Amino acid sequence: MRGEAIAIGVLALALGAAAAPARAQMPEDISPGVYAELEGIEDASGSILASEVELRHASGSSDQVQGTIASVDRVRRQITVAGIRVLLPADAQIRGDAGGSVMSASLASGARVDARGRFEDGVLRARSLELRSGSDDREGEVGLEGRISGVDRAEGTFRLLGATVRVTSDTAVELD
């Protein structure tokens, strides 16, 4: 019965999976080397479904990932957020919401963070990390800033900080 429609009186039901958002034609401005800031939701496949993308010809001062910690490796001093490995060198500034110092034990799966640093060799080397209150954030919500490293126009995707980002007809794209 998958993909079929059933009418019950005046109520019609469609059976099957919900339709995915339609792919958008990838704007030409989305290209490798362009600095992008985006907001989106991490989907079940690990891709990020972009709701907003802002393109800038001038880069920001650092690369950034905001989201929920998926895993913590205390031995290697790294966390994973939205599929992006974040290295926390000994000199990285780690702060809580109140701006106080936070022990590394506070870094745990499920905590919301904002990490800033430099993305090199597939890893974001954090200069600063802020633990954030999750009360005003939606589950799975992600924010990224950095240079686009690859574009697949046929699939409607691009790579940012190593993550695959999908652009659909619902994605708002702005050029700064």
Protein backbone atom coordinates (compact mmCIF):
# COMPACT_ATOMS: atom_id res chain seq x y z
CA MET A 1 0.00 0.00 0.00
CA ARG A 2 3.04 2.24 0.13
CA GLY A 3 2.65 5.30 -2.14
CA GLU A 4 -1.11 4.77 -2.55
CA ALA A 5 -3.95 7.09 -1.57
CA ILE A 6 -7.07 5.97 0.26
CA ALA A 7 -10.30 7.97 0.50
CA ILE A 8 -12.41 7.51 3.64
CA GLY A 9 -15.56 9.59 3.28
CA VAL A 10 -14.27 13.10 2.66
CA LEU A 11 -10.86 12.36 4.22
CA ALA A 12 -8.07 11.30 1.84
CA LEU A 13 -4.90 9.76 3.20
CA ALA A 14 -1.64 9.31 1.34
CA LEU A 15 0.38 6.31 2.45
CA GLY A 16 4.16 6.18 2.28
CA ALA A 17 7.09 8.31 3.25
CA ALA A 18 6.78 12.07 3.37
CA ALA A 19 8.16 13.79 0.31
CA ALA A 20 11.64 15.25 0.67
CA PRO A 21 12.03 18.95 -0.09
CA ALA A 22 12.58 19.53 -3.80
CA ARG A 23 16.16 20.10 -4.93
CA ALA A 24 16.86 23.65 -5.85
CA GLN A 25 18.96 24.72 -8.77
CA MET A 26 22.29 25.49 -7.13
CA PRO A 27 23.03 29.24 -7.38
CA GLU A 28 26.21 29.93 -9.34
CA ASP A 29 27.52 32.01 -6.42
CA ILE A 30 27.85 28.81 -4.39
CA SER A 31 31.31 27.75 -5.48
CA PRO A 32 34.59 26.48 -3.97
CA GLY A 33 36.52 29.14 -2.04
CA VAL A 34 33.48 31.31 -1.27
CA TYR A 35 32.98 32.00 2.44
CA ALA A 36 29.56 30.83 3.68
CA GLU A 37 27.56 31.12 6.87
CA LEU A 38 24.60 28.80 7.21
CA GLU A 39 21.90 27.52 9.49
CA GLY A 40 20.27 24.15 9.08
CA ILE A 41 19.22 20.85 10.56
CA GLU A 42 21.32 17.69 10.63
CA ASP A 43 19.29 14.88 9.03
CA ALA A 44 19.39 11.13 9.65
CA SER A 45 22.02 10.63 6.91
CA GLY A 46 24.42 13.05 8.64
CA SER A 47 23.98 15.71 5.94
CA ILE A 48 22.91 19.22 6.86
CA LEU A 49 19.68 20.45 5.30
CA ALA A 50 20.33 24.19 4.93
CA SER A 51 17.49 26.56 5.79
CA GLU A 52 19.60 29.71 5.24
CA VAL A 53 22.92 30.29 3.46
CA GLU A 54 24.68 33.66 3.40
CA LEU A 55 27.59 33.95 0.96
CA ARG A 56 30.40 36.47 1.50
CA HIS A 57 33.32 37.37 -0.69
CA ALA A 58 35.29 38.47 2.39
CA SER A 59 36.07 35.72 4.89
CA GLY A 60 35.33 35.82 8.58
CA SER A 61 38.04 35.81 11.20
CA SER A 62 37.62 32.10 11.91
CA ASP A 63 35.75 28.95 10.97
CA GLN A 64 32.87 27.96 13.23
CA VAL A 65 30.51 25.11 14.09
CA GLN A 66 27.52 25.39 16.42
CA GLY A 67 25.51 22.35 17.39
CA THR A 68 25.15 19.36 19.67
CA ILE A 69 28.11 17.21 20.69
CA ALA A 70 27.67 13.71 19.23
CA SER A 71 30.82 12.19 20.76
CA VAL A 72 33.73 13.04 23.04
CA ASP A 73 37.26 11.59 22.86
CA ARG A 74 39.06 12.82 25.99
CA VAL A 75 42.33 11.06 25.11
CA ARG A 76 42.61 12.85 21.73
CA ARG A 77 41.00 16.03 23.15
CA GLN A 78 38.37 16.15 20.46
CA ILE A 79 34.61 16.23 20.08
CA THR A 80 32.34 15.63 17.10
CA VAL A 81 29.61 18.12 16.20
CA ALA A 82 27.46 17.68 13.06
CA GLY A 83 29.95 15.11 11.80
CA ILE A 84 32.82 17.61 12.14
CA ARG A 85 35.80 16.69 14.30
CA VAL A 86 36.76 19.53 16.65
CA LEU A 87 40.22 19.36 18.24
CA LEU A 88 40.58 21.13 21.61
CA PRO A 89 44.26 22.03 22.06
CA ALA A 90 45.48 22.66 25.61
CA ASP A 91 45.48 26.43 24.97
CA ALA A 92 41.85 26.54 23.70
CA GLN A 93 39.59 28.79 25.76
CA ILE A 94 36.61 26.78 27.06
CA ARG A 95 33.75 28.77 28.58
CA GLY A 96 30.28 28.13 29.95
CA ASP A 97 27.19 30.28 29.45
CA ALA A 98 28.20 32.56 32.31
CA GLY A 99 31.67 33.04 30.83
CA GLY A 100 33.34 31.03 33.58
CA SER A 101 35.91 28.32 33.03
CA VAL A 102 34.45 24.85 32.47
CA MET A 103 36.20 21.58 33.28
CA SER A 104 36.57 19.25 30.31
CA ALA A 105 34.29 16.77 32.15
CA SER A 106 31.43 19.18 31.32
CA LEU A 107 31.92 18.35 27.65
CA ALA A 108 29.52 15.48 27.07
CA SER A 109 27.37 14.05 24.31
CA GLY A 110 24.19 16.10 24.02
CA ALA A 111 25.75 19.39 25.18
CA ARG A 112 25.33 22.38 22.84
CA VAL A 113 28.55 24.15 21.82
CA ASP A 114 29.89 26.97 19.68
CA ALA A 115 33.46 26.19 18.51
CA ARG A 116 35.65 28.70 16.63
CA GLY A 117 39.04 28.13 15.12
CA ARG A 118 40.72 27.08 11.87
CA PHE A 119 39.59 24.15 9.70
CA GLU A 120 42.66 22.28 8.40
CA ASP A 121 43.26 18.71 7.29
CA GLY A 122 39.67 17.68 8.01
CA VAL A 123 39.63 18.97 11.60
CA LEU A 124 38.44 22.23 13.19
CA ARG A 125 41.30 23.23 15.51
CA ALA A 126 39.41 25.24 18.12
CA ARG A 127 40.79 28.43 19.60
CA SER A 128 37.63 28.83 21.67
CA LEU A 129 34.66 26.72 22.65
CA GLU A 130 31.57 27.91 24.47
CA LEU A 131 29.11 25.57 26.14
CA ARG A 132 25.62 26.87 25.44
CA SER A 133 22.26 26.47 27.06
CA GLY A 134 20.11 24.17 24.92
CA SER A 135 16.81 25.63 26.12
CA ASP A 136 16.36 27.96 23.15
CA ASP A 137 17.82 25.65 20.48
CA ARG A 138 15.95 23.12 18.37
CA GLU A 139 17.21 19.56 18.37
CA GLY A 140 19.56 18.91 15.45
CA GLU A 141 20.00 22.62 14.68
CA VAL A 142 23.45 23.42 13.26
CA GLY A 143 25.32 26.59 12.34
CA LEU A 144 28.48 26.57 10.20
CA GLU A 145 30.88 29.24 8.91
CA GLY A 146 33.81 28.66 6.60
CA ARG A 147 34.98 28.30 3.01
CA ILE A 148 33.09 26.06 0.61
CA SER A 149 35.41 23.25 -0.50
CA GLY A 150 33.35 21.44 -3.10
CA VAL A 151 30.05 21.66 -5.01
CA ASP A 152 27.90 18.94 -6.60
CA ARG A 153 25.30 20.85 -8.61
CA ALA A 154 23.57 17.68 -9.83
CA GLU A 155 22.93 16.57 -6.22
CA GLY A 156 22.29 20.09 -4.87
CA THR A 157 25.05 19.75 -2.28
CA PHE A 158 28.26 21.45 -1.24
CA ARG A 159 30.97 20.77 1.36
CA LEU A 160 31.62 23.13 4.24
CA LEU A 161 34.10 22.25 7.03
CA GLY A 162 33.99 18.70 5.67
CA ALA A 163 30.21 18.39 6.14
CA THR A 164 27.82 17.76 3.25
CA VAL A 165 25.21 20.53 3.00
CA ARG A 166 22.01 20.09 0.98
CA VAL A 167 20.28 23.05 -0.66
CA THR A 168 16.59 22.71 -1.52
CA SER A 169 13.91 24.95 -2.97
CA ASP A 170 13.14 25.95 0.66
CA THR A 171 16.70 27.22 1.31
CA ALA A 172 17.10 31.00 1.49
CA VAL A 173 20.38 31.99 -0.22
CA GLU A 174 21.72 35.53 0.20
CA LEU A 175 24.80 37.18 -1.27
CA ASP A 176 26.53 39.72 0.99
